[in-house]
Amino acid sequence: MLIGEVARRCGVSTRMLRHYESLGLVRPTGRTVGGYREYSAADIRRIFHVEGLRSLGMSLRQIGRALEDPAFTPATLVGDLVRRTEDRLQRERELLERLRAIDASAPSGWPDVLRVVELLRGLGSPSPARRQQAVLARTEEVPVPVDPLARAILDEADPNVAGALRWALARAGGDAVASVAPGLRSDDAEVRRRAVRAIAELPGAEADAVLAEALGDSDPAVRRLAALASGQRGAIAAVPVLTGMVVEGTNDVEAAEVLGTLSRDDGHADGIAGELADALAAHPADTAVRIRVAQALAELPGSAARDVLRGLGRDEDRAVALVASALVEALEARPGG
């Protein structure tokens, strides 16, 4: 079979067939009387072998080695090809994300494109100071795309950089809550905590709903962050978690302050006082818990909380009684107390 017909049947150009011959990959076994290349059936099979290996991303040099060395084993080479392909796909995914971020920023010209590129490069820096500088320096010049900020927030371990990213996200507008919310489905509890911290700084009912859902998270730290944020936004559903924080002594001062804020709205004071009274009943002999609960009760308005405190002033535990009595005295000494 002559080279032109081989090219048509194999889908390989005559120029490439000559290149294969020059490299010694596929040599025609014969020549016609006129000196034209003539390929046998075995030659054509070899051409298909070469093309098949090329489709795997192998170089022509690697293909030559594979076809000529009887002792050649493909395992190492295929493993290397897998790793190279994974690296290439990762680079292409990063490029795609960068292009989408630029498109989302709606650039008006190449200067805007270059500023967004510089921002994204800064966010990818191994230096926390460089990442923070990239966020703070660029938000005034060009709108920051929401999706890259959200991804950076979920990945960021440095607290200073994370704070700058949350600040930038709150200013970026767009669908910020939806961009960060997938972080709450992560298997990594730390990622879920970062998501809650970011959403806590975003306004709106959508953020309220996401924070309310996080109150049931399996991680105690996520629940506590969500409870503080939800309670500050007026969500009464946060009360059980906040009460638990007072009992446990974890951020108990902040939890007590939020309970006090909640108790000033919509007549929730008696219900919250009841929750704290139940906590006292559940820990009859734990001095530290009872003192923390007494301090939380002092943050609440209304007669129900004051009555529980007066009862604690007669507690069998002298330390608890002294603290509760001092709190009652201080409350009654206030104007209008």
C-alpha atoms as a PDB file:
ATOM      1  CA  MET A   1       0.000   0.000   0.000  1.00  0.00           C
ATOM      2  CA  LEU A   2       1.454   3.360  -1.005  1.00  0.00           C
ATOM      3  CA  ILE A   3       1.904   6.270   1.396  1.00  0.00           C
ATOM      4  CA  GLY A   4      -1.049   8.302   0.105  1.00  0.00           C
ATOM      5  CA  GLU A   5      -3.522   5.462   0.607  1.00  0.00           C
ATOM      6  CA  VAL A   6      -2.009   4.647   4.025  1.00  0.00           C
ATOM      7  CA  ALA A   7      -2.510   8.285   5.058  1.00  0.00           C
ATOM      8  CA  ARG A   8      -6.175   8.205   3.981  1.00  0.00           C
ATOM      9  CA  ARG A   9      -6.915   4.920   5.754  1.00  0.00           C
ATOM     10  CA  CYS A  10      -5.000   5.638   8.948  1.00  0.00           C
ATOM     11  CA  GLY A  11      -5.908   9.314   9.309  1.00  0.00           C
ATOM     12  CA  VAL A  12      -2.217  10.267   9.535  1.00  0.00           C
ATOM     13  CA  SER A  13      -0.755  12.855   7.181  1.00  0.00           C
ATOM     14  CA  THR A  14       1.940  11.848   4.716  1.00  0.00           C
ATOM     15  CA  ARG A  15       4.208  14.431   6.364  1.00  0.00           C
ATOM     16  CA  MET A  16       3.775  12.734   9.749  1.00  0.00           C
ATOM     17  CA  LEU A  17       4.399   9.293   8.212  1.00  0.00           C
ATOM     18  CA  ARG A  18       7.686  10.581   6.807  1.00  0.00           C
ATOM     19  CA  HIS A  19       8.508  12.010  10.240  1.00  0.00           C
ATOM     20  CA  TYR A  20       7.833   8.613  11.830  1.00  0.00           C
ATOM     21  CA  GLU A  21      10.176   7.049   9.277  1.00  0.00           C
ATOM     22  CA  SER A  22      12.922   9.580  10.030  1.00  0.00           C
ATOM     23  CA  LEU A  23      12.698   8.709  13.738  1.00  0.00           C
ATOM     24  CA  GLY A  24      12.679   4.985  13.029  1.00  0.00           C
ATOM     25  CA  LEU A  25       9.199   4.488  14.467  1.00  0.00           C
ATOM     26  CA  VAL A  26       7.542   3.120  11.318  1.00  0.00           C
ATOM     27  CA  ARG A  27       9.647   2.185   8.299  1.00  0.00           C
ATOM     28  CA  PRO A  28       7.914   0.914   5.159  1.00  0.00           C
ATOM     29  CA  THR A  29       9.089  -2.616   4.471  1.00  0.00           C
ATOM     30  CA  GLY A  30       9.364  -2.164   0.734  1.00  0.00           C
ATOM     31  CA  ARG A  31       9.692   0.089  -2.271  1.00  0.00           C
ATOM     32  CA  THR A  32       7.992  -0.018  -5.614  1.00  0.00           C
ATOM     33  CA  VAL A  33       9.938  -0.313  -8.859  1.00  0.00           C
ATOM     34  CA  GLY A  34       9.635   3.450  -9.106  1.00  0.00           C
ATOM     35  CA  GLY A  35      11.082   3.913  -5.615  1.00  0.00           C
ATOM     36  CA  TYR A  36       7.838   4.803  -3.800  1.00  0.00           C
ATOM     37  CA  ARG A  37       7.310   3.713  -0.189  1.00  0.00           C
ATOM     38  CA  GLU A  38       5.205   0.592   0.178  1.00  0.00           C
ATOM     39  CA  TYR A  39       3.659  -0.317   3.521  1.00  0.00           C
ATOM     40  CA  SER A  40       2.751  -3.850   4.560  1.00  0.00           C
ATOM     41  CA  ALA A  41      -0.134  -4.891   6.810  1.00  0.00           C
ATOM     42  CA  ALA A  42       2.373  -5.137   9.716  1.00  0.00           C
ATOM     43  CA  ASP A  43       3.553  -1.581   9.030  1.00  0.00           C
ATOM     44  CA  ILE A  44      -0.020  -0.309   9.177  1.00  0.00           C
ATOM     45  CA  ARG A  45      -0.615  -2.112  12.486  1.00  0.00           C
ATOM     46  CA  ARG A  46       2.492  -0.413  13.850  1.00  0.00           C
ATOM     47  CA  ILE A  47       1.163   2.968  12.718  1.00  0.00           C
ATOM     48  CA  PHE A  48      -2.024   2.317  14.710  1.00  0.00           C
ATOM     49  CA  HIS A  49       0.087   1.307  17.724  1.00  0.00           C
ATOM     50  CA  VAL A  50       2.022   4.583  17.505  1.00  0.00           C
ATOM     51  CA  GLU A  51      -1.160   6.629  17.218  1.00  0.00           C
ATOM     52  CA  GLY A  52      -2.751   4.796  20.117  1.00  0.00           C
ATOM     53  CA  LEU A  53       0.199   5.540  22.394  1.00  0.00           C
ATOM     54  CA  ARG A  54       0.267   9.177  21.237  1.00  0.00           C
ATOM     55  CA  SER A  55      -3.372   9.479  22.323  1.00  0.00           C
ATOM     56  CA  LEU A  56      -2.199   8.701  25.885  1.00  0.00           C
ATOM     57  CA  GLY A  57       0.074  11.731  25.832  1.00  0.00           C
ATOM     58  CA  MET A  58       3.306   9.809  25.308  1.00  0.00           C
ATOM     59  CA  SER A  59       6.148  11.499  23.465  1.00  0.00           C
ATOM     60  CA  LEU A  60       7.492   9.964  20.251  1.00  0.00           C
ATOM     61  CA  ARG A  61      10.715   9.078  22.078  1.00  0.00           C
ATOM     62  CA  GLN A  62       8.724   7.218  24.772  1.00  0.00           C
ATOM     63  CA  ILE A  63       6.725   5.452  22.062  1.00  0.00           C
ATOM     64  CA  GLY A  64       9.895   4.305  20.308  1.00  0.00           C
ATOM     65  CA  ARG A  65      11.227   2.899  23.549  1.00  0.00           C
ATOM     66  CA  ALA A  66       7.963   1.134  24.322  1.00  0.00           C
ATOM     67  CA  LEU A  67       7.785  -0.510  20.895  1.00  0.00           C
ATOM     68  CA  GLU A  68      11.438  -1.535  20.612  1.00  0.00           C
ATOM     69  CA  ASP A  69      12.340  -2.702  24.150  1.00  0.00           C
ATOM     70  CA  PRO A  70      10.882  -6.178  24.905  1.00  0.00           C
ATOM     71  CA  ALA A  71      11.684  -5.662  28.595  1.00  0.00           C
ATOM     72  CA  PHE A  72       9.841  -2.348  28.784  1.00  0.00           C
ATOM     73  CA  THR A  73       7.040  -2.352  31.358  1.00  0.00           C
ATOM     74  CA  PRO A  74       4.302   0.268  31.044  1.00  0.00           C
ATOM     75  CA  ALA A  75       3.414   0.608  34.723  1.00  0.00           C
ATOM     76  CA  THR A  76       5.952   3.319  35.614  1.00  0.00           C
ATOM     77  CA  LEU A  77       5.360   5.279  32.432  1.00  0.00           C
ATOM     78  CA  VAL A  78       1.575   5.130  32.735  1.00  0.00           C
ATOM     79  CA  GLY A  79       1.796   6.247  36.388  1.00  0.00           C
ATOM     80  CA  ASP A  80       3.933   9.193  35.318  1.00  0.00           C
ATOM     81  CA  LEU A  81       1.419  10.052  32.596  1.00  0.00           C
ATOM     82  CA  VAL A  82      -1.384   9.956  35.158  1.00  0.00           C
ATOM     83  CA  ARG A  83       0.459  12.404  37.425  1.00  0.00           C
ATOM     84  CA  ARG A  84       1.340  14.727  34.559  1.00  0.00           C
ATOM     85  CA  THR A  85      -2.255  14.706  33.347  1.00  0.00           C
ATOM     86  CA  GLU A  86      -3.567  15.447  36.838  1.00  0.00           C
ATOM     87  CA  ASP A  87      -1.147  18.370  37.138  1.00  0.00           C
ATOM     88  CA  ARG A  88      -2.211  19.692  33.751  1.00  0.00           C
ATOM     89  CA  LEU A  89      -5.897  19.411  34.621  1.00  0.00           C
ATOM     90  CA  GLN A  90      -5.290  21.218  37.921  1.00  0.00           C
ATOM     91  CA  ARG A  91      -3.545  24.050  36.090  1.00  0.00           C
ATOM     92  CA  GLU A  92      -6.390  24.236  33.607  1.00  0.00           C
ATOM     93  CA  ARG A  93      -8.977  24.286  36.404  1.00  0.00           C
ATOM     94  CA  GLU A  94      -7.087  27.142  38.045  1.00  0.00           C
ATOM     95  CA  LEU A  95      -6.986  28.970  34.718  1.00  0.00           C
ATOM     96  CA  LEU A  96     -10.718  28.417  34.235  1.00  0.00           C
ATOM     97  CA  GLU A  97     -11.464  29.769  37.717  1.00  0.00           C
ATOM     98  CA  ARG A  98      -9.291  32.791  37.032  1.00  0.00           C
ATOM     99  CA  LEU A  99     -11.049  33.465  33.721  1.00  0.00           C
ATOM    100  CA  ARG A 100     -14.459  33.126  35.357  1.00  0.00           C
ATOM    101  CA  ALA A 101     -13.403  35.527  38.093  1.00  0.00           C
ATOM    102  CA  ILE A 102     -12.277  38.071  35.516  1.00  0.00           C
ATOM    103  CA  ASP A 103     -15.522  37.648  33.593  1.00  0.00           C
ATOM    104  CA  ALA A 104     -17.561  38.104  36.802  1.00  0.00           C
ATOM    105  CA  SER A 105     -15.792  41.391  37.523  1.00  0.00           C
ATOM    106  CA  ALA A 106     -17.191  42.819  34.265  1.00  0.00           C
ATOM    107  CA  PRO A 107     -13.954  44.554  33.267  1.00  0.00           C
ATOM    108  CA  SER A 108     -14.291  47.662  31.145  1.00  0.00           C
ATOM    109  CA  GLY A 109     -10.797  47.351  29.680  1.00  0.00           C
ATOM    110  CA  TRP A 110      -7.449  45.595  29.929  1.00  0.00           C
ATOM    111  CA  PRO A 111      -6.338  47.618  32.983  1.00  0.00           C
ATOM    112  CA  ASP A 112      -9.284  46.145  34.930  1.00  0.00           C
ATOM    113  CA  VAL A 113      -8.386  42.638  33.732  1.00  0.00           C
ATOM    114  CA  LEU A 114      -4.788  43.079  34.845  1.00  0.00           C
ATOM    115  CA  ARG A 115      -5.847  44.393  38.265  1.00  0.00           C
ATOM    116  CA  VAL A 116      -8.057  41.338  38.846  1.00  0.00           C
ATOM    117  CA  VAL A 117      -5.250  39.044  37.705  1.00  0.00           C
ATOM    118  CA  GLU A 118      -2.891  40.719  40.156  1.00  0.00           C
ATOM    119  CA  LEU A 119      -5.440  40.314  42.944  1.00  0.00           C
ATOM    120  CA  LEU A 120      -5.895  36.614  42.203  1.00  0.00           C
ATOM    121  CA  ARG A 121      -2.143  36.078  42.091  1.00  0.00           C
ATOM    122  CA  GLY A 122      -1.840  37.836  45.440  1.00  0.00           C
ATOM    123  CA  LEU A 123      -4.492  35.586  46.955  1.00  0.00           C
ATOM    124  CA  GLY A 124      -2.439  32.591  45.851  1.00  0.00           C
ATOM    125  CA  SER A 125       0.759  33.811  47.506  1.00  0.00           C
ATOM    126  CA  PRO A 126       2.340  31.615  50.219  1.00  0.00           C
ATOM    127  CA  SER A 127       2.923  34.777  52.284  1.00  0.00           C
ATOM    128  CA  PRO A 128       0.059  35.784  54.630  1.00  0.00           C
ATOM    129  CA  ALA A 129       1.223  39.408  54.512  1.00  0.00           C
ATOM    130  CA  ARG A 130       1.144  39.346  50.710  1.00  0.00           C
ATOM    131  CA  ARG A 131      -2.348  37.831  50.677  1.00  0.00           C
ATOM    132  CA  GLN A 132      -3.651  40.429  53.115  1.00  0.00           C
ATOM    133  CA  GLN A 133      -2.045  43.247  51.151  1.00  0.00           C
ATOM    134  CA  ALA A 134      -3.592  41.940  47.928  1.00  0.00           C
ATOM    135  CA  VAL A 135      -7.078  42.071  49.454  1.00  0.00           C
ATOM    136  CA  LEU A 136      -6.793  45.458  51.132  1.00  0.00           C
ATOM    137  CA  ALA A 137      -5.001  47.184  48.255  1.00  0.00           C
ATOM    138  CA  ARG A 138      -7.325  46.206  45.420  1.00  0.00           C
ATOM    139  CA  THR A 139     -10.864  46.447  46.714  1.00  0.00           C
ATOM    140  CA  GLU A 140     -11.023  50.210  46.165  1.00  0.00           C
ATOM    141  CA  GLU A 141      -9.718  50.042  42.585  1.00  0.00           C
ATOM    142  CA  VAL A 142     -11.879  47.353  41.024  1.00  0.00           C
ATOM    143  CA  PRO A 143     -14.863  45.264  42.202  1.00  0.00           C
ATOM    144  CA  VAL A 144     -13.608  42.038  43.764  1.00  0.00           C
ATOM    145  CA  PRO A 145     -15.234  38.898  42.302  1.00  0.00           C
ATOM    146  CA  VAL A 146     -17.237  37.073  44.970  1.00  0.00           C
ATOM    147  CA  ASP A 147     -16.385  33.461  44.099  1.00  0.00           C
ATOM    148  CA  PRO A 148     -12.575  33.775  44.460  1.00  0.00           C
ATOM    149  CA  LEU A 149     -13.053  35.612  47.746  1.00  0.00           C
ATOM    150  CA  ALA A 150     -15.343  32.869  49.024  1.00  0.00           C
ATOM    151  CA  ARG A 151     -12.879  30.134  48.047  1.00  0.00           C
ATOM    152  CA  ALA A 152     -10.036  32.063  49.667  1.00  0.00           C
ATOM    153  CA  ILE A 153     -12.054  32.502  52.879  1.00  0.00           C
ATOM    154  CA  LEU A 154     -12.744  28.786  53.144  1.00  0.00           C
ATOM    155  CA  ASP A 155      -9.040  27.975  52.615  1.00  0.00           C
ATOM    156  CA  GLU A 156      -7.481  30.733  54.732  1.00  0.00           C
ATOM    157  CA  ALA A 157      -5.914  29.701  58.045  1.00  0.00           C
ATOM    158  CA  ASP A 158      -4.277  33.012  58.981  1.00  0.00           C
ATOM    159  CA  PRO A 159      -6.720  35.022  61.165  1.00  0.00           C
ATOM    160  CA  ASN A 160      -5.561  38.428  59.922  1.00  0.00           C
ATOM    161  CA  VAL A 161      -5.896  37.477  56.268  1.00  0.00           C
ATOM    162  CA  ALA A 162      -9.240  35.808  56.982  1.00  0.00           C
ATOM    163  CA  GLY A 163     -10.521  39.020  58.587  1.00  0.00           C
ATOM    164  CA  ALA A 164      -9.484  41.054  55.546  1.00  0.00           C
ATOM    165  CA  LEU A 165     -11.153  38.550  53.225  1.00  0.00           C
ATOM    166  CA  ARG A 166     -14.422  38.653  55.196  1.00  0.00           C
ATOM    167  CA  TRP A 167     -14.324  42.465  55.107  1.00  0.00           C
ATOM    168  CA  ALA A 168     -13.825  42.396  51.349  1.00  0.00           C
ATOM    169  CA  LEU A 169     -16.598  39.837  50.866  1.00  0.00           C
ATOM    170  CA  ALA A 170     -19.080  41.950  52.842  1.00  0.00           C
ATOM    171  CA  ARG A 171     -18.269  44.887  50.538  1.00  0.00           C
ATOM    172  CA  ALA A 172     -18.275  42.905  47.307  1.00  0.00           C
ATOM    173  CA  GLY A 173     -22.046  42.558  46.986  1.00  0.00           C
ATOM    174  CA  GLY A 174     -23.367  39.849  44.715  1.00  0.00           C
ATOM    175  CA  ASP A 175     -24.508  36.469  45.963  1.00  0.00           C
ATOM    176  CA  ALA A 176     -21.920  36.234  48.726  1.00  0.00           C
ATOM    177  CA  VAL A 177     -23.939  33.943  51.013  1.00  0.00           C
ATOM    178  CA  ALA A 178     -24.487  31.374  48.253  1.00  0.00           C
ATOM    179  CA  SER A 179     -20.770  31.444  47.430  1.00  0.00           C
ATOM    180  CA  VAL A 180     -19.684  30.695  51.009  1.00  0.00           C
ATOM    181  CA  ALA A 181     -22.540  28.387  52.097  1.00  0.00           C
ATOM    182  CA  PRO A 182     -21.109  25.255  50.378  1.00  0.00           C
ATOM    183  CA  GLY A 183     -18.340  25.422  52.974  1.00  0.00           C
ATOM    184  CA  LEU A 184     -20.884  24.286  55.569  1.00  0.00           C
ATOM    185  CA  ARG A 185     -21.116  20.956  53.748  1.00  0.00           C
ATOM    186  CA  SER A 186     -17.384  20.321  54.025  1.00  0.00           C
ATOM    187  CA  ASP A 187     -16.152  17.269  55.916  1.00  0.00           C
ATOM    188  CA  ASP A 188     -13.543  19.547  57.503  1.00  0.00           C
ATOM    189  CA  ALA A 189     -14.940  21.218  60.629  1.00  0.00           C
ATOM    190  CA  GLU A 190     -12.451  24.078  60.347  1.00  0.00           C
ATOM    191  CA  VAL A 191     -13.775  24.933  56.880  1.00  0.00           C
ATOM    192  CA  ARG A 192     -17.303  24.983  58.299  1.00  0.00           C
ATOM    193  CA  ARG A 193     -16.166  27.362  61.067  1.00  0.00           C
ATOM    194  CA  ARG A 194     -14.652  29.702  58.478  1.00  0.00           C
ATOM    195  CA  ALA A 195     -17.904  29.641  56.532  1.00  0.00           C
ATOM    196  CA  VAL A 196     -19.951  30.567  59.617  1.00  0.00           C
ATOM    197  CA  ARG A 197     -17.595  33.430  60.507  1.00  0.00           C
ATOM    198  CA  ALA A 198     -17.941  34.827  56.995  1.00  0.00           C
ATOM    199  CA  ILE A 199     -21.720  34.459  56.799  1.00  0.00           C
ATOM    200  CA  ALA A 200     -22.079  36.079  60.227  1.00  0.00           C
ATOM    201  CA  GLU A 201     -20.796  39.318  58.696  1.00  0.00           C
ATOM    202  CA  LEU A 202     -23.251  39.267  55.788  1.00  0.00           C
ATOM    203  CA  PRO A 203     -26.710  40.845  55.989  1.00  0.00           C
ATOM    204  CA  GLY A 204     -30.043  39.449  54.935  1.00  0.00           C
ATOM    205  CA  ALA A 205     -32.537  36.665  55.466  1.00  0.00           C
ATOM    206  CA  GLU A 206     -30.491  34.174  53.452  1.00  0.00           C
ATOM    207  CA  ALA A 207     -27.594  34.566  55.885  1.00  0.00           C
ATOM    208  CA  ASP A 208     -30.029  34.195  58.810  1.00  0.00           C
ATOM    209  CA  ALA A 209     -31.314  30.902  57.395  1.00  0.00           C
ATOM    210  CA  VAL A 210     -27.817  29.484  56.838  1.00  0.00           C
ATOM    211  CA  LEU A 211     -26.743  30.403  60.374  1.00  0.00           C
ATOM    212  CA  ALA A 212     -29.891  28.812  61.800  1.00  0.00           C
ATOM    213  CA  GLU A 213     -29.062  25.590  59.971  1.00  0.00           C
ATOM    214  CA  ALA A 214     -25.528  25.657  61.401  1.00  0.00           C
ATOM    215  CA  LEU A 215     -26.974  25.560  64.948  1.00  0.00           C
ATOM    216  CA  GLY A 216     -27.376  21.808  64.405  1.00  0.00           C
ATOM    217  CA  ASP A 217     -23.842  21.180  63.159  1.00  0.00           C
ATOM    218  CA  SER A 218     -21.997  18.162  64.540  1.00  0.00           C
ATOM    219  CA  ASP A 219     -19.027  20.305  65.561  1.00  0.00           C
ATOM    220  CA  PRO A 220     -19.458  22.182  68.881  1.00  0.00           C
ATOM    221  CA  ALA A 221     -17.334  25.116  67.726  1.00  0.00           C
ATOM    222  CA  VAL A 222     -19.478  25.581  64.613  1.00  0.00           C
ATOM    223  CA  ARG A 223     -22.631  25.496  66.756  1.00  0.00           C
ATOM    224  CA  ARG A 224     -21.193  28.069  69.155  1.00  0.00           C
ATOM    225  CA  LEU A 225     -20.156  30.459  66.369  1.00  0.00           C
ATOM    226  CA  ALA A 226     -23.574  30.103  64.748  1.00  0.00           C
ATOM    227  CA  ALA A 227     -25.357  30.666  68.062  1.00  0.00           C
ATOM    228  CA  LEU A 228     -23.473  33.886  68.828  1.00  0.00           C
ATOM    229  CA  ALA A 229     -24.121  35.208  65.330  1.00  0.00           C
ATOM    230  CA  SER A 230     -27.765  34.102  65.192  1.00  0.00           C
ATOM    231  CA  GLY A 231     -28.492  35.410  68.677  1.00  0.00           C
ATOM    232  CA  GLN A 232     -27.045  38.804  67.821  1.00  0.00           C
ATOM    233  CA  ARG A 233     -29.401  38.842  64.840  1.00  0.00           C
ATOM    234  CA  GLY A 234     -32.406  38.092  67.055  1.00  0.00           C
ATOM    235  CA  ALA A 235     -32.830  34.342  66.481  1.00  0.00           C
ATOM    236  CA  ILE A 236     -34.450  32.803  69.566  1.00  0.00           C
ATOM    237  CA  ALA A 237     -33.504  29.341  68.245  1.00  0.00           C
ATOM    238  CA  ALA A 238     -29.940  30.064  69.406  1.00  0.00           C
ATOM    239  CA  VAL A 239     -30.943  30.084  73.118  1.00  0.00           C
ATOM    240  CA  PRO A 240     -30.299  26.373  73.885  1.00  0.00           C
ATOM    241  CA  VAL A 241     -26.789  26.523  72.408  1.00  0.00           C
ATOM    242  CA  LEU A 242     -26.057  29.815  74.174  1.00  0.00           C
ATOM    243  CA  THR A 243     -27.256  28.375  77.470  1.00  0.00           C
ATOM    244  CA  GLY A 244     -25.013  25.363  76.912  1.00  0.00           C
ATOM    245  CA  MET A 245     -22.072  27.716  76.378  1.00  0.00           C
ATOM    246  CA  VAL A 246     -22.758  29.347  79.737  1.00  0.00           C
ATOM    247  CA  VAL A 247     -22.916  25.943  81.407  1.00  0.00           C
ATOM    248  CA  GLU A 248     -19.732  24.710  79.707  1.00  0.00           C
ATOM    249  CA  GLY A 249     -17.810  27.913  80.329  1.00  0.00           C
ATOM    250  CA  THR A 250     -16.921  28.303  76.640  1.00  0.00           C
ATOM    251  CA  ASN A 251     -17.270  31.943  75.564  1.00  0.00           C
ATOM    252  CA  ASP A 252     -19.765  32.142  78.417  1.00  0.00           C
ATOM    253  CA  VAL A 253     -19.452  35.938  78.839  1.00  0.00           C
ATOM    254  CA  GLU A 254     -20.280  36.545  75.168  1.00  0.00           C
ATOM    255  CA  ALA A 255     -23.107  33.990  75.337  1.00  0.00           C
ATOM    256  CA  ALA A 256     -24.586  35.679  78.420  1.00  0.00           C
ATOM    257  CA  GLU A 257     -24.472  39.064  76.710  1.00  0.00           C
ATOM    258  CA  VAL A 258     -26.293  37.703  73.673  1.00  0.00           C
ATOM    259  CA  LEU A 259     -28.902  36.058  75.901  1.00  0.00           C
ATOM    260  CA  GLY A 260     -29.415  39.436  77.543  1.00  0.00           C
ATOM    261  CA  THR A 261     -29.899  41.086  74.146  1.00  0.00           C
ATOM    262  CA  LEU A 262     -32.382  38.423  73.052  1.00  0.00           C
ATOM    263  CA  SER A 263     -34.345  38.735  76.279  1.00  0.00           C
ATOM    264  CA  ARG A 264     -35.018  42.397  75.545  1.00  0.00           C
ATOM    265  CA  ASP A 265     -36.948  41.582  72.378  1.00  0.00           C
ATOM    266  CA  ASP A 266     -40.441  40.171  71.903  1.00  0.00           C
ATOM    267  CA  GLY A 267     -40.948  39.236  75.545  1.00  0.00           C
ATOM    268  CA  HIS A 268     -38.430  36.399  75.587  1.00  0.00           C
ATOM    269  CA  ALA A 269     -37.023  37.260  79.021  1.00  0.00           C
ATOM    270  CA  ASP A 270     -39.123  34.789  81.016  1.00  0.00           C
ATOM    271  CA  GLY A 271     -38.411  31.899  78.623  1.00  0.00           C
ATOM    272  CA  ILE A 272     -34.668  32.524  78.675  1.00  0.00           C
ATOM    273  CA  ALA A 273     -34.712  32.834  82.473  1.00  0.00           C
ATOM    274  CA  GLY A 274     -36.500  29.476  82.542  1.00  0.00           C
ATOM    275  CA  GLU A 275     -33.777  27.898  80.377  1.00  0.00           C
ATOM    276  CA  LEU A 276     -31.118  29.126  82.794  1.00  0.00           C
ATOM    277  CA  ALA A 277     -33.119  27.938  85.806  1.00  0.00           C
ATOM    278  CA  ASP A 278     -33.298  24.477  84.210  1.00  0.00           C
ATOM    279  CA  ALA A 279     -29.508  24.558  83.842  1.00  0.00           C
ATOM    280  CA  LEU A 280     -29.219  25.270  87.572  1.00  0.00           C
ATOM    281  CA  ALA A 281     -31.464  22.335  88.379  1.00  0.00           C
ATOM    282  CA  ALA A 282     -29.329  20.076  86.173  1.00  0.00           C
ATOM    283  CA  HIS A 283     -26.134  21.015  88.044  1.00  0.00           C
ATOM    284  CA  PRO A 284     -27.065  21.190  91.740  1.00  0.00           C
ATOM    285  CA  ALA A 285     -23.531  20.652  93.042  1.00  0.00           C
ATOM    286  CA  ASP A 286     -21.326  22.358  90.456  1.00  0.00           C
ATOM    287  CA  THR A 287     -20.218  25.682  91.933  1.00  0.00           C
ATOM    288  CA  ALA A 288     -18.575  27.007  88.764  1.00  0.00           C
ATOM    289  CA  VAL A 289     -21.631  26.278  86.606  1.00  0.00           C
ATOM    290  CA  ARG A 290     -24.032  27.843  89.092  1.00  0.00           C
ATOM    291  CA  ILE A 291     -21.924  31.004  89.367  1.00  0.00           C
ATOM    292  CA  ARG A 292     -21.766  31.352  85.564  1.00  0.00           C
ATOM    293  CA  VAL A 293     -25.530  30.902  85.333  1.00  0.00           C
ATOM    294  CA  ALA A 294     -26.030  33.529  88.044  1.00  0.00           C
ATOM    295  CA  GLN A 295     -23.893  35.961  86.075  1.00  0.00           C
ATOM    296  CA  ALA A 296     -25.897  35.233  82.933  1.00  0.00           C
ATOM    297  CA  LEU A 297     -29.165  35.805  84.803  1.00  0.00           C
ATOM    298  CA  ALA A 298     -27.896  39.230  85.811  1.00  0.00           C
ATOM    299  CA  GLU A 299     -27.814  40.168  82.105  1.00  0.00           C
ATOM    300  CA  LEU A 300     -31.549  39.527  81.733  1.00  0.00           C
ATOM    301  CA  PRO A 301     -34.275  42.090  82.361  1.00  0.00           C
ATOM    302  CA  GLY A 302     -37.547  41.208  84.057  1.00  0.00           C
ATOM    303  CA  SER A 303     -38.749  39.762  87.311  1.00  0.00           C
ATOM    304  CA  ALA A 304     -38.290  36.096  86.412  1.00  0.00           C
ATOM    305  CA  ALA A 305     -34.501  36.349  86.223  1.00  0.00           C
ATOM    306  CA  ARG A 306     -34.392  38.498  89.358  1.00  0.00           C
ATOM    307  CA  ASP A 307     -36.453  35.928  91.300  1.00  0.00           C
ATOM    308  CA  VAL A 308     -34.092  33.109  90.313  1.00  0.00           C
ATOM    309  CA  LEU A 309     -31.139  35.209  91.436  1.00  0.00           C
ATOM    310  CA  ARG A 310     -32.761  35.946  94.798  1.00  0.00           C
ATOM    311  CA  GLY A 311     -33.279  32.227  95.266  1.00  0.00           C
ATOM    312  CA  LEU A 312     -29.598  31.630  94.544  1.00  0.00           C
ATOM    313  CA  GLY A 313     -28.783  34.164  97.247  1.00  0.00           C
ATOM    314  CA  ARG A 314     -29.968  31.503  99.691  1.00  0.00           C
ATOM    315  CA  ASP A 315     -28.060  28.682  97.974  1.00  0.00           C
ATOM    316  CA  GLU A 316     -26.442  26.053 100.196  1.00  0.00           C
ATOM    317  CA  ASP A 317     -23.169  26.695  98.365  1.00  0.00           C
ATOM    318  CA  ARG A 318     -21.820  29.801 100.109  1.00  0.00           C
ATOM    319  CA  ALA A 319     -19.776  30.939  97.104  1.00  0.00           C
ATOM    320  CA  VAL A 320     -22.842  30.782  94.859  1.00  0.00           C
ATOM    321  CA  ALA A 321     -24.981  32.572  97.454  1.00  0.00           C
ATOM    322  CA  LEU A 322     -22.461  35.395  97.853  1.00  0.00           C
ATOM    323  CA  VAL A 323     -22.153  35.963  94.092  1.00  0.00           C
ATOM    324  CA  ALA A 324     -25.922  35.879  93.548  1.00  0.00           C
ATOM    325  CA  SER A 325     -26.577  38.252  96.477  1.00  0.00           C
ATOM    326  CA  ALA A 326     -23.953  40.691  95.172  1.00  0.00           C
ATOM    327  CA  LEU A 327     -25.514  40.621  91.718  1.00  0.00           C
ATOM    328  CA  VAL A 328     -28.998  41.276  93.093  1.00  0.00           C
ATOM    329  CA  GLU A 329     -27.685  44.157  95.180  1.00  0.00           C
ATOM    330  CA  ALA A 330     -25.928  45.665  92.171  1.00  0.00           C
ATOM    331  CA  LEU A 331     -29.026  45.340  90.011  1.00  0.00           C
ATOM    332  CA  GLU A 332     -31.292  46.947  92.606  1.00  0.00           C
ATOM    333  CA  ALA A 333     -28.834  49.802  93.043  1.00  0.00           C
ATOM    334  CA  ARG A 334     -29.192  50.805  89.398  1.00  0.00           C
ATOM    335  CA  PRO A 335     -31.614  53.597  88.531  1.00  0.00           C
ATOM    336  CA  GLY A 336     -34.999  52.021  88.100  1.00  0.00           C
ATOM    337  CA  GLY A 337     -33.710  48.752  89.579  1.00  0.00           C
END
